[in-house]
């Protein structure tokens, strides 16, 4: 079984692959605003994934030492979501809210599919 860090590394790799598809979509389709929104949302989602990994790691290390861990996990992830909302509010002609939301959810969808594949394998 893989460690949490190894799984996070896979999720980041898959997310970067999907982001490369977003870049191709931005460059070769007439839907630049949608793919730009998906790409920017994916960057925010990738930050949220890294933030979750950092907080879980910090909490695990604190538990090993039987200490309390203080993290800004939820606050930073909510702030990242607020940044996505502010981008849409400030630049509605450039970004699509559905694209930003879909981009933020990209790493989580990848985690879901990865988990389902693990269950299927057995």
PDB file of N, CA and C in Angstrom:
ATOM      1  N   UNK A   1       0.838  -1.180   0.000  1.00  0.00           N
ATOM      2  CA  UNK A   1       0.000   0.000   0.000  1.00  0.00           C
ATOM      3  C   UNK A   1       0.886   1.247   0.000  1.00  0.00           C
ATOM      4  N   UNK A   2       0.478   2.238  -0.739  1.00  0.00           N
ATOM      5  CA  UNK A   2       1.248   3.470  -0.866  1.00  0.00           C
ATOM      6  C   UNK A   2       1.048   4.362   0.351  1.00  0.00           C
ATOM      7  N   UNK A   3       2.059   5.165   0.616  1.00  0.00           N
ATOM      8  CA  UNK A   3       1.937   6.126   1.700  1.00  0.00           C
ATOM      9  C   UNK A   3       1.105   7.318   1.230  1.00  0.00           C
ATOM     10  N   UNK A   4       0.710   8.120   2.187  1.00  0.00           N
ATOM     11  CA  UNK A   4      -0.080   9.306   1.876  1.00  0.00           C
ATOM     12  C   UNK A   4       0.704  10.243   0.961  1.00  0.00           C
ATOM     13  N   UNK A   5       1.989  10.406   1.231  1.00  0.00           N
ATOM     14  CA  UNK A   5       2.831  11.276   0.408  1.00  0.00           C
ATOM     15  C   UNK A   5       2.931  10.783  -1.024  1.00  0.00           C
ATOM     16  N   UNK A   6       3.036   9.468  -1.216  1.00  0.00           N
ATOM     17  CA  UNK A   6       3.092   8.902  -2.569  1.00  0.00           C
ATOM     18  C   UNK A   6       1.785   9.115  -3.312  1.00  0.00           C
ATOM     19  N   UNK A   7       0.673   8.969  -2.595  1.00  0.00           N
ATOM     20  CA  UNK A   7      -0.629   9.229  -3.224  1.00  0.00           C
ATOM     21  C   UNK A   7      -0.761  10.696  -3.630  1.00  0.00           C
ATOM     22  N   UNK A   8      -0.334  11.609  -2.773  1.00  0.00           N
ATOM     23  CA  UNK A   8      -0.401  13.031  -3.093  1.00  0.00           C
ATOM     24  C   UNK A   8       0.440  13.329  -4.331  1.00  0.00           C
ATOM     25  N   UNK A   9       1.615  12.707  -4.418  1.00  0.00           N
ATOM     26  CA  UNK A   9       2.474  12.907  -5.589  1.00  0.00           C
ATOM     27  C   UNK A   9       1.751  12.472  -6.868  1.00  0.00           C
ATOM     28  N   UNK A  10       1.054  11.334  -6.812  1.00  0.00           N
ATOM     29  CA  UNK A  10       0.280  10.884  -7.978  1.00  0.00           C
ATOM     30  C   UNK A  10      -0.834  11.876  -8.312  1.00  0.00           C
ATOM     31  N   UNK A  11      -1.527  12.368  -7.290  1.00  0.00           N
ATOM     32  CA  UNK A  11      -2.620  13.307  -7.528  1.00  0.00           C
ATOM     33  C   UNK A  11      -2.101  14.585  -8.195  1.00  0.00           C
ATOM     34  N   UNK A  12      -0.935  15.044  -7.742  1.00  0.00           N
ATOM     35  CA  UNK A  12      -0.341  16.246  -8.342  1.00  0.00           C
ATOM     36  C   UNK A  12       0.021  15.975  -9.800  1.00  0.00           C
ATOM     37  N   UNK A  13       0.599  14.809 -10.074  1.00  0.00           N
ATOM     38  CA  UNK A  13       0.968  14.466 -11.448  1.00  0.00           C
ATOM     39  C   UNK A  13      -0.257  14.400 -12.351  1.00  0.00           C
ATOM     40  N   UNK A  14      -1.310  13.745 -11.881  1.00  0.00           N
ATOM     41  CA  UNK A  14      -2.537  13.658 -12.686  1.00  0.00           C
ATOM     42  C   UNK A  14      -3.152  15.042 -12.886  1.00  0.00           C
ATOM     43  N   UNK A  15      -3.129  15.867 -11.843  1.00  0.00           N
ATOM     44  CA  UNK A  15      -3.681  17.214 -11.963  1.00  0.00           C
ATOM     45  C   UNK A  15      -2.886  18.036 -12.974  1.00  0.00           C
ATOM     46  N   UNK A  16      -1.574  17.916 -12.950  1.00  0.00           N
ATOM     47  CA  UNK A  16      -0.751  18.624 -13.935  1.00  0.00           C
ATOM     48  C   UNK A  16      -1.032  18.138 -15.352  1.00  0.00           C
ATOM     49  N   UNK A  17      -1.297  16.843 -15.497  1.00  0.00           N
ATOM     50  CA  UNK A  17      -1.667  16.312 -16.810  1.00  0.00           C
ATOM     51  C   UNK A  17      -2.983  16.930 -17.286  1.00  0.00           C
ATOM     52  N   UNK A  18      -3.965  16.984 -16.401  1.00  0.00           N
ATOM     53  CA  UNK A  18      -5.256  17.579 -16.766  1.00  0.00           C
ATOM     54  C   UNK A  18      -5.085  19.066 -17.071  1.00  0.00           C
ATOM     55  N   UNK A  19      -4.211  19.738 -16.317  1.00  0.00           N
ATOM     56  CA  UNK A  19      -3.956  21.151 -16.591  1.00  0.00           C
ATOM     57  C   UNK A  19      -3.310  21.340 -17.961  1.00  0.00           C
ATOM     58  N   UNK A  20      -2.477  20.389 -18.368  1.00  0.00           N
ATOM     59  CA  UNK A  20      -1.894  20.449 -19.715  1.00  0.00           C
ATOM     60  C   UNK A  20      -2.992  20.332 -20.760  1.00  0.00           C
ATOM     61  N   UNK A  21      -4.001  19.508 -20.498  1.00  0.00           N
ATOM     62  CA  UNK A  21      -5.144  19.417 -21.415  1.00  0.00           C
ATOM     63  C   UNK A  21      -5.909  20.739 -21.465  1.00  0.00           C
ATOM     64  N   UNK A  22      -6.015  21.399 -20.315  1.00  0.00           N
ATOM     65  CA  UNK A  22      -6.671  22.710 -20.285  1.00  0.00           C
ATOM     66  C   UNK A  22      -5.893  23.722 -21.122  1.00  0.00           C
ATOM     67  N   UNK A  23      -4.573  23.662 -21.056  1.00  0.00           N
ATOM     68  CA  UNK A  23      -3.740  24.573 -21.854  1.00  0.00           C
ATOM     69  C   UNK A  23      -3.951  24.307 -23.342  1.00  0.00           C
ATOM     70  N   UNK A  24      -4.003  23.026 -23.718  1.00  0.00           N
ATOM     71  CA  UNK A  24      -4.276  22.686 -25.119  1.00  0.00           C
ATOM     72  C   UNK A  24      -5.645  23.186 -25.544  1.00  0.00           C
ATOM     73  N   UNK A  25      -6.628  23.024 -24.673  1.00  0.00           N
ATOM     74  CA  UNK A  25      -7.964  23.532 -24.971  1.00  0.00           C
ATOM     75  C   UNK A  25      -7.980  25.041 -25.111  1.00  0.00           C
ATOM     76  N   UNK A  26      -7.210  25.708 -24.283  1.00  0.00           N
ATOM     77  CA  UNK A  26      -7.110  27.166 -24.366  1.00  0.00           C
ATOM     78  C   UNK A  26      -6.489  27.595 -25.694  1.00  0.00           C
ATOM     79  N   UNK A  27      -5.482  26.855 -26.137  1.00  0.00           N
ATOM     80  CA  UNK A  27      -4.765  27.251 -27.343  1.00  0.00           C
ATOM     81  C   UNK A  27      -5.434  26.857 -28.639  1.00  0.00           C
ATOM     82  N   UNK A  28      -6.218  25.787 -28.636  1.00  0.00           N
ATOM     83  CA  UNK A  28      -6.714  25.251 -29.897  1.00  0.00           C
ATOM     84  C   UNK A  28      -8.224  25.229 -30.044  1.00  0.00           C
ATOM     85  N   UNK A  29      -8.955  25.816 -29.115  1.00  0.00           N
ATOM     86  CA  UNK A  29     -10.410  25.868 -29.249  1.00  0.00           C
ATOM     87  C   UNK A  29     -10.872  27.317 -29.130  1.00  0.00           C
ATOM     88  N   UNK A  30     -12.092  27.593 -29.532  1.00  0.00           N
ATOM     89  CA  UNK A  30     -12.596  28.970 -29.391  1.00  0.00           C
ATOM     90  C   UNK A  30     -13.123  29.273 -27.979  1.00  0.00           C
ATOM     91  N   UNK A  31     -12.920  28.349 -27.032  1.00  0.00           N
ATOM     92  CA  UNK A  31     -13.448  28.516 -25.668  1.00  0.00           C
ATOM     93  C   UNK A  31     -12.347  28.925 -24.698  1.00  0.00           C
ATOM     94  N   UNK A  32     -11.594  29.967 -25.051  1.00  0.00           N
ATOM     95  CA  UNK A  32     -10.454  30.388 -24.237  1.00  0.00           C
ATOM     96  C   UNK A  32     -10.869  30.734 -22.811  1.00  0.00           C
ATOM     97  N   UNK A  33     -12.004  31.422 -22.654  1.00  0.00           N
ATOM     98  CA  UNK A  33     -12.424  31.837 -21.319  1.00  0.00           C
ATOM     99  C   UNK A  33     -12.713  30.639 -20.420  1.00  0.00           C
ATOM    100  N   UNK A  34     -13.322  29.599 -20.977  1.00  0.00           N
ATOM    101  CA  UNK A  34     -13.611  28.402 -20.175  1.00  0.00           C
ATOM    102  C   UNK A  34     -12.330  27.690 -19.767  1.00  0.00           C
ATOM    103  N   UNK A  35     -11.429  27.505 -20.714  1.00  0.00           N
ATOM    104  CA  UNK A  35     -10.198  26.777 -20.386  1.00  0.00           C
ATOM    105  C   UNK A  35      -9.277  27.604 -19.496  1.00  0.00           C
ATOM    106  N   UNK A  36      -9.284  28.929 -19.652  1.00  0.00           N
ATOM    107  CA  UNK A  36      -8.529  29.778 -18.737  1.00  0.00           C
ATOM    108  C   UNK A  36      -9.088  29.649 -17.326  1.00  0.00           C
ATOM    109  N   UNK A  37     -10.399  29.661 -17.212  1.00  0.00           N
ATOM    110  CA  UNK A  37     -11.041  29.505 -15.907  1.00  0.00           C
ATOM    111  C   UNK A  37     -10.716  28.147 -15.291  1.00  0.00           C
ATOM    112  N   UNK A  38     -10.776  27.097 -16.102  1.00  0.00           N
ATOM    113  CA  UNK A  38     -10.433  25.764 -15.597  1.00  0.00           C
ATOM    114  C   UNK A  38      -8.974  25.707 -15.141  1.00  0.00           C
ATOM    115  N   UNK A  39      -8.087  26.320 -15.901  1.00  0.00           N
ATOM    116  CA  UNK A  39      -6.673  26.306 -15.541  1.00  0.00           C
ATOM    117  C   UNK A  39      -6.386  27.065 -14.256  1.00  0.00           C
ATOM    118  N   UNK A  40      -6.941  28.259 -14.142  1.00  0.00           N
ATOM    119  CA  UNK A  40      -6.726  29.055 -12.929  1.00  0.00           C
ATOM    120  C   UNK A  40      -7.368  28.355 -11.730  1.00  0.00           C
ATOM    121  N   UNK A  41      -8.547  27.795 -11.927  1.00  0.00           N
ATOM    122  CA  UNK A  41      -9.194  27.039 -10.853  1.00  0.00           C
ATOM    123  C   UNK A  41      -8.370  25.827 -10.440  1.00  0.00           C
ATOM    124  N   UNK A  42      -7.725  25.181 -11.405  1.00  0.00           N
ATOM    125  CA  UNK A  42      -6.879  24.027 -11.091  1.00  0.00           C
ATOM    126  C   UNK A  42      -5.652  24.425 -10.275  1.00  0.00           C
ATOM    127  N   UNK A  43      -5.109  25.588 -10.553  1.00  0.00           N
ATOM    128  CA  UNK A  43      -3.984  26.080  -9.745  1.00  0.00           C
ATOM    129  C   UNK A  43      -4.440  26.285  -8.299  1.00  0.00           C
ATOM    130  N   UNK A  44      -5.611  26.849  -8.133  1.00  0.00           N
ATOM    131  CA  UNK A  44      -6.164  27.035  -6.786  1.00  0.00           C
ATOM    132  C   UNK A  44      -6.433  25.680  -6.144  1.00  0.00           C
ATOM    133  N   UNK A  45      -6.980  24.739  -6.908  1.00  0.00           N
ATOM    134  CA  UNK A  45      -7.216  23.391  -6.387  1.00  0.00           C
ATOM    135  C   UNK A  45      -5.926  22.688  -6.012  1.00  0.00           C
ATOM    136  N   UNK A  46      -4.882  22.901  -6.791  1.00  0.00           N
ATOM    137  CA  UNK A  46      -3.580  22.318  -6.484  1.00  0.00           C
ATOM    138  C   UNK A  46      -3.019  22.915  -5.191  1.00  0.00           C
ATOM    139  N   UNK A  47      -3.209  24.209  -5.000  1.00  0.00           N
ATOM    140  CA  UNK A  47      -2.813  24.819  -3.733  1.00  0.00           C
ATOM    141  C   UNK A  47      -3.576  24.184  -2.569  1.00  0.00           C
ATOM    142  N   UNK A  48      -4.873  23.973  -2.746  1.00  0.00           N
ATOM    143  CA  UNK A  48      -5.672  23.354  -1.689  1.00  0.00           C
ATOM    144  C   UNK A  48      -5.187  21.940  -1.387  1.00  0.00           C
ATOM    145  N   UNK A  49      -4.817  21.188  -2.417  1.00  0.00           N
ATOM    146  CA  UNK A  49      -4.295  19.837  -2.225  1.00  0.00           C
ATOM    147  C   UNK A  49      -2.985  19.881  -1.447  1.00  0.00           C
ATOM    148  N   UNK A  50      -2.085  20.789  -1.817  1.00  0.00           N
ATOM    149  CA  UNK A  50      -0.820  20.927  -1.109  1.00  0.00           C
ATOM    150  C   UNK A  50      -1.058  21.346   0.340  1.00  0.00           C
ATOM    151  N   UNK A  51      -1.996  22.251   0.549  1.00  0.00           N
ATOM    152  CA  UNK A  51      -2.317  22.711   1.897  1.00  0.00           C
ATOM    153  C   UNK A  51      -2.841  21.552   2.748  1.00  0.00           C
ATOM    154  N   UNK A  52      -3.690  20.722   2.166  1.00  0.00           N
ATOM    155  CA  UNK A  52      -4.200  19.559   2.887  1.00  0.00           C
ATOM    156  C   UNK A  52      -3.063  18.605   3.243  1.00  0.00           C
ATOM    157  N   UNK A  53      -2.173  18.360   2.297  1.00  0.00           N
ATOM    158  CA  UNK A  53      -1.041  17.465   2.546  1.00  0.00           C
ATOM    159  C   UNK A  53      -0.160  18.003   3.674  1.00  0.00           C
ATOM    160  N   UNK A  54       0.147  19.288   3.613  1.00  0.00           N
ATOM    161  CA  UNK A  54       0.990  19.907   4.636  1.00  0.00           C
ATOM    162  C   UNK A  54       0.349  19.805   6.014  1.00  0.00           C
ATOM    163  N   UNK A  55      -0.961  20.044   6.096  1.00  0.00           N
ATOM    164  CA  UNK A  55      -1.645  19.996   7.382  1.00  0.00           C
ATOM    165  C   UNK A  55      -1.731  18.574   7.930  1.00  0.00           C
ATOM    166  N   UNK A  56      -1.999  17.607   7.063  1.00  0.00           N
ATOM    167  CA  UNK A  56      -2.057  16.210   7.516  1.00  0.00           C
ATOM    168  C   UNK A  56      -0.682  15.756   8.000  1.00  0.00           C
ATOM    169  N   UNK A  57       0.351  16.137   7.272  1.00  0.00           N
ATOM    170  CA  UNK A  57       1.714  15.783   7.670  1.00  0.00           C
ATOM    171  C   UNK A  57       2.070  16.410   9.013  1.00  0.00           C
ATOM    172  N   UNK A  58       1.755  17.685   9.171  1.00  0.00           N
ATOM    173  CA  UNK A  58       2.042  18.392  10.411  1.00  0.00           C
ATOM    174  C   UNK A  58       1.263  17.781  11.584  1.00  0.00           C
ATOM    175  N   UNK A  59       0.006  17.430  11.364  1.00  0.00           N
ATOM    176  CA  UNK A  59      -0.812  16.822  12.404  1.00  0.00           C
ATOM    177  C   UNK A  59      -0.280  15.439  12.774  1.00  0.00           C
ATOM    178  N   UNK A  60       0.157  14.667  11.773  1.00  0.00           N
ATOM    179  CA  UNK A  60       0.723  13.353  12.043  1.00  0.00           C
ATOM    180  C   UNK A  60       2.004  13.427  12.852  1.00  0.00           C
ATOM    181  N   UNK A  61       2.859  14.377  12.512  1.00  0.00           N
ATOM    182  CA  UNK A  61       4.106  14.557  13.273  1.00  0.00           C
ATOM    183  C   UNK A  61       3.815  14.989  14.702  1.00  0.00           C
ATOM    184  N   UNK A  62       2.820  15.843  14.882  1.00  0.00           N
ATOM    185  CA  UNK A  62       2.457  16.281  16.231  1.00  0.00           C
ATOM    186  C   UNK A  62       1.867  15.122  17.031  1.00  0.00           C
ATOM    187  N   UNK A  63       1.095  14.269  16.375  1.00  0.00           N
ATOM    188  CA  UNK A  63       0.515  13.123  17.067  1.00  0.00           C
ATOM    189  C   UNK A  63       1.592  12.138  17.512  1.00  0.00           C
ATOM    190  N   UNK A  64       2.621  11.955  16.689  1.00  0.00           N
ATOM    191  CA  UNK A  64       3.729  11.079  17.066  1.00  0.00           C
ATOM    192  C   UNK A  64       4.445  11.593  18.303  1.00  0.00           C
ATOM    193  N   UNK A  65       4.565  12.901  18.418  1.00  0.00           N
ATOM    194  CA  UNK A  65       5.238  13.514  19.560  1.00  0.00           C
ATOM    195  C   UNK A  65       4.264  13.814  20.702  1.00  0.00           C
ATOM    196  N   UNK A  66       3.022  13.431  20.534  1.00  0.00           N
ATOM    197  CA  UNK A  66       1.940  13.661  21.498  1.00  0.00           C
ATOM    198  C   UNK A  66       1.817  15.145  21.858  1.00  0.00           C
ATOM    199  N   UNK A  67       1.837  15.956  20.824  1.00  0.00           N
ATOM    200  CA  UNK A  67       1.639  17.394  20.963  1.00  0.00           C
ATOM    201  C   UNK A  67       0.429  17.813  20.144  1.00  0.00           C
ATOM    202  N   UNK A  68      -0.051  18.997  20.417  1.00  0.00           N
ATOM    203  CA  UNK A  68      -1.160  19.542  19.626  1.00  0.00           C
ATOM    204  C   UNK A  68      -0.593  20.240  18.395  1.00  0.00           C
ATOM    205  N   UNK A  69      -1.321  20.149  17.306  1.00  0.00           N
ATOM    206  CA  UNK A  69      -0.899  20.809  16.063  1.00  0.00           C
ATOM    207  C   UNK A  69      -1.874  21.930  15.747  1.00  0.00           C
ATOM    208  N   UNK A  70      -1.330  23.058  15.382  1.00  0.00           N
ATOM    209  CA  UNK A  70      -2.151  24.186  14.955  1.00  0.00           C
ATOM    210  C   UNK A  70      -1.869  24.447  13.489  1.00  0.00           C
ATOM    211  N   UNK A  71      -2.908  24.405  12.688  1.00  0.00           N
ATOM    212  CA  UNK A  71      -2.743  24.638  11.252  1.00  0.00           C
ATOM    213  C   UNK A  71      -3.773  25.661  10.778  1.00  0.00           C
ATOM    214  N   UNK A  72      -3.461  26.276   9.655  1.00  0.00           N
ATOM    215  CA  UNK A  72      -4.376  27.235   9.026  1.00  0.00           C
ATOM    216  C   UNK A  72      -5.111  26.591   7.860  1.00  0.00           C
ATOM    217  N   UNK A  73      -5.246  25.280   7.857  1.00  0.00           N
ATOM    218  CA  UNK A  73      -5.777  24.540   6.720  1.00  0.00           C
ATOM    219  C   UNK A  73      -7.095  25.042   6.185  1.00  0.00           C
ATOM    220  N   UNK A  74      -8.109  25.049   7.023  1.00  0.00           N
ATOM    221  CA  UNK A  74      -9.426  25.438   6.556  1.00  0.00           C
ATOM    222  C   UNK A  74      -9.439  26.907   6.134  1.00  0.00           C
ATOM    223  N   UNK A  75      -8.771  27.741   6.890  1.00  0.00           N
ATOM    224  CA  UNK A  75      -8.751  29.167   6.587  1.00  0.00           C
ATOM    225  C   UNK A  75      -8.089  29.423   5.235  1.00  0.00           C
ATOM    226  N   UNK A  76      -6.949  28.764   4.997  1.00  0.00           N
ATOM    227  CA  UNK A  76      -6.248  29.005   3.722  1.00  0.00           C
ATOM    228  C   UNK A  76      -7.036  28.450   2.544  1.00  0.00           C
ATOM    229  N   UNK A  77      -7.718  27.324   2.726  1.00  0.00           N
ATOM    230  CA  UNK A  77      -8.503  26.776   1.622  1.00  0.00           C
ATOM    231  C   UNK A  77      -9.739  27.640   1.343  1.00  0.00           C
ATOM    232  N   UNK A  78     -10.356  28.168   2.381  1.00  0.00           N
ATOM    233  CA  UNK A  78     -11.478  29.090   2.169  1.00  0.00           C
ATOM    234  C   UNK A  78     -11.005  30.381   1.507  1.00  0.00           C
ATOM    235  N   UNK A  79      -9.830  30.855   1.905  1.00  0.00           N
ATOM    236  CA  UNK A  79      -9.279  32.058   1.284  1.00  0.00           C
ATOM    237  C   UNK A  79      -8.988  31.814  -0.194  1.00  0.00           C
ATOM    238  N   UNK A  80      -8.505  30.626  -0.530  1.00  0.00           N
ATOM    239  CA  UNK A  80      -8.251  30.305  -1.937  1.00  0.00           C
ATOM    240  C   UNK A  80      -9.563  30.305  -2.722  1.00  0.00           C
ATOM    241  N   UNK A  81     -10.620  29.785  -2.121  1.00  0.00           N
ATOM    242  CA  UNK A  81     -11.930  29.837  -2.765  1.00  0.00           C
ATOM    243  C   UNK A  81     -12.417  31.267  -2.931  1.00  0.00           C
ATOM    244  N   UNK A  82     -12.128  32.103  -1.954  1.00  0.00           N
ATOM    245  CA  UNK A  82     -12.504  33.518  -2.043  1.00  0.00           C
ATOM    246  C   UNK A  82     -11.730  34.216  -3.164  1.00  0.00           C
ATOM    247  N   UNK A  83     -10.482  33.817  -3.358  1.00  0.00           N
ATOM    248  CA  UNK A  83      -9.695  34.384  -4.463  1.00  0.00           C
ATOM    249  C   UNK A  83     -10.357  34.045  -5.802  1.00  0.00           C
ATOM    250  N   UNK A  84     -10.815  32.800  -5.939  1.00  0.00           N
ATOM    251  CA  UNK A  84     -11.503  32.409  -7.176  1.00  0.00           C
ATOM    252  C   UNK A  84     -12.762  33.256  -7.373  1.00  0.00           C
ATOM    253  N   UNK A  85     -13.525  33.447  -6.302  1.00  0.00           N
ATOM    254  CA  UNK A  85     -14.734  34.264  -6.408  1.00  0.00           C
ATOM    255  C   UNK A  85     -14.404  35.710  -6.752  1.00  0.00           C
ATOM    256  N   UNK A  86     -13.352  36.240  -6.137  1.00  0.00           N
ATOM    257  CA  UNK A  86     -12.959  37.621  -6.434  1.00  0.00           C
ATOM    258  C   UNK A  86     -12.480  37.787  -7.872  1.00  0.00           C
ATOM    259  N   UNK A  87     -11.787  36.779  -8.385  1.00  0.00           N
ATOM    260  CA  UNK A  87     -11.376  36.837  -9.790  1.00  0.00           C
ATOM    261  C   UNK A  87     -12.592  36.940 -10.700  1.00  0.00           C
ATOM    262  N   UNK A  88     -13.621  36.157 -10.397  1.00  0.00           N
ATOM    263  CA  UNK A  88     -14.825  36.202 -11.221  1.00  0.00           C
ATOM    264  C   UNK A  88     -15.544  37.546 -11.073  1.00  0.00           C
ATOM    265  N   UNK A  89     -15.633  38.034  -9.848  1.00  0.00           N
ATOM    266  CA  UNK A  89     -16.331  39.304  -9.618  1.00  0.00           C
ATOM    267  C   UNK A  89     -15.594  40.460 -10.298  1.00  0.00           C
ATOM    268  N   UNK A  90     -14.260  40.441 -10.212  1.00  0.00           N
ATOM    269  CA  UNK A  90     -13.460  41.538 -10.773  1.00  0.00           C
ATOM    270  C   UNK A  90     -13.355  41.467 -12.294  1.00  0.00           C
ATOM    271  N   UNK A  91     -13.270  40.254 -12.832  1.00  0.00           N
ATOM    272  CA  UNK A  91     -13.077  40.064 -14.275  1.00  0.00           C
ATOM    273  C   UNK A  91     -14.132  39.107 -14.855  1.00  0.00           C
ATOM    274  N   UNK A  92     -15.405  39.482 -14.836  1.00  0.00           N
ATOM    275  CA  UNK A  92     -16.446  38.564 -15.324  1.00  0.00           C
ATOM    276  C   UNK A  92     -16.374  38.306 -16.826  1.00  0.00           C
ATOM    277  N   UNK A  93     -15.738  39.211 -17.569  1.00  0.00           N
ATOM    278  CA  UNK A  93     -15.623  39.008 -19.010  1.00  0.00           C
ATOM    279  C   UNK A  93     -14.492  38.044 -19.361  1.00  0.00           C
ATOM    280  N   UNK A  94     -13.606  37.774 -18.408  1.00  0.00           N
ATOM    281  CA  UNK A  94     -12.454  36.901 -18.647  1.00  0.00           C
ATOM    282  C   UNK A  94     -12.696  35.495 -18.101  1.00  0.00           C
ATOM    283  N   UNK A  95     -13.295  35.396 -16.918  1.00  0.00           N
ATOM    284  CA  UNK A  95     -13.466  34.109 -16.243  1.00  0.00           C
ATOM    285  C   UNK A  95     -14.919  33.674 -16.218  1.00  0.00           C
ATOM    286  N   UNK A  96     -15.121  32.385 -16.191  1.00  0.00           N
ATOM    287  CA  UNK A  96     -16.442  31.777 -16.035  1.00  0.00           C
ATOM    288  C   UNK A  96     -16.480  31.116 -14.659  1.00  0.00           C
ATOM    289  N   UNK A  97     -17.521  31.388 -13.896  1.00  0.00           N
ATOM    290  CA  UNK A  97     -17.598  30.863 -12.534  1.00  0.00           C
ATOM    291  C   UNK A  97     -17.656  29.334 -12.528  1.00  0.00           C
ATOM    292  N   UNK A  98     -18.350  28.749 -13.487  1.00  0.00           N
ATOM    293  CA  UNK A  98     -18.419  27.286 -13.556  1.00  0.00           C
ATOM    294  C   UNK A  98     -17.042  26.693 -13.882  1.00  0.00           C
ATOM    295  N   UNK A  99     -16.293  27.377 -14.721  1.00  0.00           N
ATOM    296  CA  UNK A  99     -14.949  26.915 -15.045  1.00  0.00           C
ATOM    297  C   UNK A  99     -14.019  27.018 -13.849  1.00  0.00           C
ATOM    298  N   UNK A 100     -14.113  28.121 -13.103  1.00  0.00           N
ATOM    299  CA  UNK A 100     -13.294  28.267 -11.901  1.00  0.00           C
ATOM    300  C   UNK A 100     -13.639  27.191 -10.878  1.00  0.00           C
ATOM    301  N   UNK A 101     -14.939  26.973 -10.668  1.00  0.00           N
ATOM    302  CA  UNK A 101     -15.360  25.951  -9.704  1.00  0.00           C
ATOM    303  C   UNK A 101     -14.933  24.562 -10.169  1.00  0.00           C
ATOM    304  N   UNK A 102     -15.092  24.284 -11.454  1.00  0.00           N
ATOM    305  CA  UNK A 102     -14.656  22.990 -11.979  1.00  0.00           C
ATOM    306  C   UNK A 102     -13.160  22.792 -11.856  1.00  0.00           C
ATOM    307  N   UNK A 103     -12.408  23.858 -12.069  1.00  0.00           N
ATOM    308  CA  UNK A 103     -10.964  23.769 -11.918  1.00  0.00           C
ATOM    309  C   UNK A 103     -10.549  23.521 -10.481  1.00  0.00           C
ATOM    310  N   UNK A 104     -11.193  24.216  -9.545  1.00  0.00           N
ATOM    311  CA  UNK A 104     -10.889  23.999  -8.126  1.00  0.00           C
ATOM    312  C   UNK A 104     -11.194  22.545  -7.746  1.00  0.00           C
ATOM    313  N   UNK A 105     -12.218  21.982  -8.349  1.00  0.00           N
ATOM    314  CA  UNK A 105     -12.608  20.602  -8.019  1.00  0.00           C
ATOM    315  C   UNK A 105     -11.775  19.548  -8.744  1.00  0.00           C
ATOM    316  N   UNK A 106     -10.943  19.928  -9.705  1.00  0.00           N
ATOM    317  CA  UNK A 106     -10.178  18.955 -10.485  1.00  0.00           C
ATOM    318  C   UNK A 106      -9.379  17.988  -9.620  1.00  0.00           C
ATOM    319  N   UNK A 107      -8.565  18.450  -8.663  1.00  0.00           N
ATOM    320  CA  UNK A 107      -7.817  17.478  -7.849  1.00  0.00           C
ATOM    321  C   UNK A 107      -8.727  16.553  -7.038  1.00  0.00           C
ATOM    322  N   UNK A 108      -9.862  17.068  -6.590  1.00  0.00           N
ATOM    323  CA  UNK A 108     -10.767  16.254  -5.785  1.00  0.00           C
ATOM    324  C   UNK A 108     -11.450  15.183  -6.635  1.00  0.00           C
ATOM    325  N   UNK A 109     -11.768  15.510  -7.877  1.00  0.00           N
ATOM    326  CA  UNK A 109     -12.326  14.518  -8.788  1.00  0.00           C
ATOM    327  C   UNK A 109     -11.284  13.432  -9.072  1.00  0.00           C
ATOM    328  N   UNK A 110     -10.034  13.842  -9.213  1.00  0.00           N
ATOM    329  CA  UNK A 110      -8.955  12.877  -9.432  1.00  0.00           C
ATOM    330  C   UNK A 110      -8.812  11.967  -8.218  1.00  0.00           C
ATOM    331  N   UNK A 111      -8.888  12.525  -7.007  1.00  0.00           N
ATOM    332  CA  UNK A 111      -8.826  11.708  -5.797  1.00  0.00           C
ATOM    333  C   UNK A 111      -9.988  10.724  -5.765  1.00  0.00           C
ATOM    334  N   UNK A 112     -11.178  11.176  -6.128  1.00  0.00           N
ATOM    335  CA  UNK A 112     -12.349  10.293  -6.151  1.00  0.00           C
ATOM    336  C   UNK A 112     -12.151   9.138  -7.118  1.00  0.00           C
ATOM    337  N   UNK A 113     -11.724   9.433  -8.352  1.00  0.00           N
ATOM    338  CA  UNK A 113     -11.507   8.372  -9.329  1.00  0.00           C
ATOM    339  C   UNK A 113     -10.402   7.423  -8.893  1.00  0.00           C
ATOM    340  N   UNK A 114      -9.349   7.955  -8.305  1.00  0.00           N
ATOM    341  CA  UNK A 114      -8.255   7.112  -7.823  1.00  0.00           C
ATOM    342  C   UNK A 114      -8.754   6.172  -6.723  1.00  0.00           C
ATOM    343  N   UNK A 115      -9.568   6.696  -5.830  1.00  0.00           N
ATOM    344  CA  UNK A 115     -10.119   5.872  -4.739  1.00  0.00           C
ATOM    345  C   UNK A 115     -11.037   4.784  -5.306  1.00  0.00           C
ATOM    346  N   UNK A 116     -11.860   5.136  -6.276  1.00  0.00           N
ATOM    347  CA  UNK A 116     -12.752   4.137  -6.883  1.00  0.00           C
ATOM    348  C   UNK A 116     -11.960   3.050  -7.588  1.00  0.00           C
ATOM    349  N   UNK A 117     -10.867   3.431  -8.233  1.00  0.00           N
ATOM    350  CA  UNK A 117     -10.020   2.431  -8.902  1.00  0.00           C
ATOM    351  C   UNK A 117      -9.344   1.523  -7.877  1.00  0.00           C
ATOM    352  N   UNK A 118      -8.974   2.067  -6.734  1.00  0.00           N
ATOM    353  CA  UNK A 118      -8.367   1.246  -5.685  1.00  0.00           C
ATOM    354  C   UNK A 118      -9.372   0.237  -5.141  1.00  0.00           C
ATOM    355  N   UNK A 119     -10.607   0.651  -4.986  1.00  0.00           N
ATOM    356  CA  UNK A 119     -11.653  -0.260  -4.514  1.00  0.00           C
ATOM    357  C   UNK A 119     -11.894  -1.352  -5.544  1.00  0.00           C
ATOM    358  N   UNK A 120     -11.919  -0.970  -6.823  1.00  0.00           N
ATOM    359  CA  UNK A 120     -12.156  -1.935  -7.893  1.00  0.00           C
ATOM    360  C   UNK A 120     -11.037  -2.980  -7.961  1.00  0.00           C
ATOM    361  N   UNK A 121      -9.787  -2.548  -7.743  1.00  0.00           N
ATOM    362  CA  UNK A 121      -8.642  -3.471  -7.792  1.00  0.00           C
ATOM    363  C   UNK A 121      -8.645  -4.448  -6.638  1.00  0.00           C
ATOM    364  N   UNK A 122      -9.252  -4.038  -5.555  1.00  0.00           N
ATOM    365  CA  UNK A 122      -9.434  -5.007  -4.551  1.00  0.00           C
ATOM    366  C   UNK A 122      -8.907  -4.878  -3.236  1.00  0.00           C
TER     367      UNK A 122
END
